[in-house]
Amino acid sequence: MDVAALLPLTTARLSLRVFTPDDADDLYAYQGLPSVARYLYRPAHTRERSKQVAAERAARTVWRTDGDKLSLAVCRREEPGVIGEVSLTLADARAAQAEIGWTLHPGHQRHGYATEAAAALAAFAFDTLGVHRLYARLDVENTGSLRVCERLGMRREAHLVENDLDGDRWGSEYIYAALSADLGGRSVGQPISRSAD
């Protein structure tokens, strides 16, 4: 399924849309920060890498097979610019399992945008894409993302100890998850609507 025709998703304050190549500078503004890259277990993006990523994301709107990934730009409604992103990766098509993630520019954190955007994407995953189980993996030190998972109503299912190496730092992760039966039948965060704007 090509989901581009079903987007953008809108919430009370946000619009979640497909990235365009023109979003490279906004993407670099937060993906180029070491403080953001720390929790992603990879180096901060260069400006050139951000251009590549924006172009790749603009072309990836198919949701069909294992590994397909949908990354949406998070924008404040009625305002230009990208303030972050949410993503959904099809981990197992047969079992309808998907991983959800979010990253926000530090200047836009602590306003509830991550929860609002993730809630809209979770509802879309369950109600439109037919996801059965949605999970998130996060560094145990990433307390902001931990709170987002809990506000979404996800349960902590695992604590993986020193399971990833970021340079010379061992990282431990939590896995949070929810089933469609847990969240799909009730409103998750702010209501969403599909719009053509």
Protein backbone atom coordinates (compact mmCIF):
# COMPACT_ATOMS: atom_id res chain seq x y z
CA MET A 1 0.00 0.00 0.00
CA ASP A 2 1.25 3.49 -0.82
CA VAL A 3 0.20 5.62 2.14
CA ALA A 4 1.01 9.00 0.57
CA ALA A 5 -2.63 9.47 -0.46
CA LEU A 6 -3.71 9.07 3.20
CA LEU A 7 -1.49 11.91 4.40
CA PRO A 8 -1.06 14.36 5.99
CA LEU A 9 -2.36 13.47 9.42
CA THR A 10 -3.43 16.44 11.48
CA THR A 11 -3.90 16.97 15.19
CA ALA A 12 -5.02 20.00 17.15
CA ARG A 13 -1.59 21.64 16.78
CA LEU A 14 0.38 19.58 14.28
CA SER A 15 0.53 18.31 10.74
CA LEU A 16 2.39 15.07 9.97
CA ARG A 17 3.40 14.91 6.33
CA VAL A 18 5.82 13.17 4.01
CA PHE A 19 9.29 14.73 3.99
CA THR A 20 10.45 16.58 0.87
CA PRO A 21 14.03 17.20 -0.29
CA ASP A 22 13.48 20.85 0.69
CA ASP A 23 13.33 19.79 4.36
CA ALA A 24 17.06 19.01 4.49
CA ASP A 25 18.06 22.17 6.40
CA ASP A 26 15.30 21.71 9.00
CA LEU A 27 16.29 18.05 9.37
CA TYR A 28 19.95 18.97 9.83
CA ALA A 29 19.03 21.55 12.48
CA TYR A 30 18.24 18.73 14.94
CA GLN A 31 19.72 15.56 13.42
CA GLY A 32 23.10 17.31 13.31
CA LEU A 33 23.12 17.76 17.09
CA PRO A 34 25.22 15.29 19.16
CA SER A 35 22.61 15.52 21.95
CA VAL A 36 19.95 14.16 19.55
CA ALA A 37 22.19 11.52 17.94
CA ARG A 38 23.20 10.18 21.36
CA TYR A 39 19.91 8.35 21.83
CA LEU A 40 19.90 7.07 18.24
CA TYR A 41 23.21 5.18 18.58
CA ARG A 42 24.80 6.83 15.58
CA PRO A 43 26.89 9.91 14.82
CA ALA A 44 25.25 13.28 14.31
CA HIS A 45 24.31 13.91 10.69
CA THR A 46 26.40 16.08 8.46
CA ARG A 47 24.59 18.58 6.25
CA GLU A 48 25.21 16.29 3.26
CA ARG A 49 23.78 13.27 5.12
CA SER A 50 20.68 15.28 6.00
CA LYS A 51 20.17 16.05 2.30
CA GLN A 52 20.40 12.34 1.50
CA VAL A 53 18.01 11.37 4.31
CA ALA A 54 15.41 13.99 3.32
CA ALA A 55 15.47 12.74 -0.28
CA GLU A 56 15.24 9.08 0.81
CA ARG A 57 12.31 9.77 3.14
CA ALA A 58 10.46 11.69 0.43
CA ALA A 59 10.53 8.57 -1.74
CA ARG A 60 9.53 6.03 0.95
CA THR A 61 5.75 5.86 1.31
CA VAL A 62 5.12 2.16 0.64
CA TRP A 63 3.88 -0.02 3.52
CA ARG A 64 3.96 -3.66 2.49
CA THR A 65 6.99 -5.77 3.43
CA ASP A 66 9.33 -6.26 6.37
CA GLY A 67 11.61 -3.26 6.76
CA ASP A 68 9.34 -0.73 5.05
CA LYS A 69 9.64 2.55 6.94
CA LEU A 70 7.40 5.57 6.97
CA SER A 71 9.04 8.75 8.32
CA LEU A 72 6.83 11.82 8.64
CA ALA A 73 7.86 15.41 9.18
CA VAL A 74 6.26 16.97 12.24
CA CYS A 75 5.19 20.55 11.56
CA ARG A 76 3.18 23.03 13.58
CA ARG A 77 -0.05 23.76 11.74
CA GLU A 78 -0.15 27.08 9.92
CA GLU A 79 3.61 27.57 10.43
CA PRO A 80 6.50 26.77 8.09
CA GLY A 81 9.31 24.43 9.01
CA VAL A 82 9.88 20.96 10.41
CA ILE A 83 10.23 20.64 14.19
CA GLY A 84 10.85 16.89 14.29
CA GLU A 85 9.75 13.54 12.97
CA VAL A 86 7.84 10.39 13.76
CA SER A 87 8.50 7.03 12.16
CA LEU A 88 6.89 3.67 11.75
CA THR A 89 8.88 0.60 10.65
CA LEU A 90 7.17 -2.61 9.56
CA ALA A 91 9.14 -5.14 11.61
CA ASP A 92 7.05 -8.21 10.68
CA ALA A 93 4.35 -7.95 8.01
CA ARG A 94 2.91 -11.41 8.66
CA ALA A 95 2.49 -10.77 12.39
CA ALA A 96 1.54 -7.08 11.88
CA GLN A 97 4.30 -5.81 14.21
CA ALA A 98 5.67 -2.28 13.84
CA GLU A 99 8.20 -0.11 15.65
CA ILE A 100 7.32 3.51 16.36
CA GLY A 101 9.81 6.28 16.99
CA TRP A 102 10.03 10.05 17.35
CA THR A 103 12.68 12.74 17.41
CA LEU A 104 12.11 16.43 18.09
CA HIS A 105 14.37 19.45 17.83
CA PRO A 106 15.40 20.26 21.44
CA GLY A 107 13.95 23.76 21.04
CA HIS A 108 10.48 22.24 20.61
CA GLN A 109 10.62 19.66 23.38
CA ARG A 110 8.54 19.87 26.58
CA HIS A 111 5.45 21.16 24.79
CA GLY A 112 3.74 17.79 24.33
CA TYR A 113 4.47 17.71 20.59
CA ALA A 114 6.16 14.29 20.67
CA THR A 115 3.20 12.71 22.48
CA GLU A 116 0.69 14.39 20.18
CA ALA A 117 2.53 13.33 17.02
CA ALA A 118 3.22 9.78 18.26
CA ALA A 119 -0.42 9.36 19.33
CA ALA A 120 -1.60 10.35 15.86
CA LEU A 121 0.82 7.93 14.21
CA ALA A 122 -0.11 5.11 16.61
CA ALA A 123 -3.82 5.58 15.84
CA PHE A 124 -3.01 5.59 12.11
CA ALA A 125 -0.96 2.39 12.51
CA PHE A 126 -3.73 0.54 14.32
CA ASP A 127 -6.80 1.91 12.59
CA THR A 128 -5.58 2.32 9.00
CA LEU A 129 -2.49 0.15 8.50
CA GLY A 130 -3.80 -2.85 10.45
CA VAL A 131 -0.92 -3.06 12.93
CA HIS A 132 -1.55 -5.57 15.73
CA ARG A 133 1.41 -4.76 18.02
CA LEU A 134 3.30 -1.50 18.19
CA TYR A 135 6.56 -1.21 20.10
CA ALA A 136 9.21 1.39 20.88
CA ARG A 137 12.88 0.88 21.79
CA LEU A 138 14.53 3.64 23.77
CA ASP A 139 17.69 4.32 25.71
CA VAL A 140 16.99 3.98 29.44
CA GLU A 141 18.49 7.44 29.97
CA ASN A 142 16.05 9.02 27.51
CA THR A 143 13.50 10.04 30.13
CA GLY A 144 11.56 12.24 27.72
CA SER A 145 10.78 9.30 25.42
CA LEU A 146 10.02 7.10 28.42
CA ARG A 147 7.31 9.60 29.44
CA VAL A 148 5.93 9.66 25.88
CA CYS A 149 5.54 5.87 25.92
CA GLU A 150 3.75 5.99 29.24
CA ARG A 151 1.45 8.84 28.13
CA LEU A 152 0.55 6.78 25.06
CA GLY A 153 -0.53 3.92 27.33
CA MET A 154 2.27 1.56 26.30
CA ARG A 155 3.57 -0.96 28.82
CA ARG A 156 7.23 -1.67 29.55
CA GLU A 157 7.94 -5.20 28.35
CA ALA A 158 11.71 -5.49 28.57
CA HIS A 159 14.90 -3.96 29.92
CA LEU A 160 17.87 -4.85 27.71
CA VAL A 161 21.10 -4.28 29.63
CA GLU A 162 24.13 -2.94 27.72
CA ASN A 163 22.75 -4.29 24.45
CA ASP A 164 24.20 -1.62 22.15
CA LEU A 165 27.53 0.15 21.83
CA ASP A 166 27.68 3.83 20.93
CA GLY A 167 31.35 4.62 20.45
CA ASP A 168 32.78 3.66 23.84
CA ARG A 169 29.48 3.90 25.77
CA TRP A 170 27.34 0.83 26.39
CA GLY A 171 23.68 1.67 26.07
CA SER A 172 20.79 -0.12 27.73
CA GLU A 173 17.27 -0.03 26.32
CA TYR A 174 13.68 -0.35 27.38
CA ILE A 175 11.09 -1.86 25.09
CA TYR A 176 7.57 -0.52 25.43
CA ALA A 177 4.63 -1.97 23.52
CA ALA A 178 0.88 -1.90 23.05
CA LEU A 179 -1.57 -4.08 21.17
CA SER A 180 -4.29 -2.75 18.91
CA ALA A 181 -6.77 -4.12 21.47
CA ASP A 182 -5.09 -1.95 24.14
CA LEU A 183 -5.14 1.34 22.24
CA GLY A 184 -6.87 0.90 18.89
CA GLY A 185 -10.42 1.06 20.22
CA ARG A 186 -10.01 4.28 22.19
CA SER A 187 -8.63 7.69 21.49
CA VAL A 188 -4.85 7.77 21.85
CA GLY A 189 -3.75 11.29 22.77
CA GLN A 190 -5.23 14.04 20.61
CA PRO A 191 -7.81 13.11 17.96
CA ILE A 192 -6.55 12.81 14.41
CA SER A 193 -8.08 13.54 11.07
CA ARG A 194 -6.90 13.09 7.54
CA SER A 195 -6.79 16.29 5.57
CA ALA A 196 -5.88 17.36 2.10
CA ASP A 197 -4.09 20.57 3.16
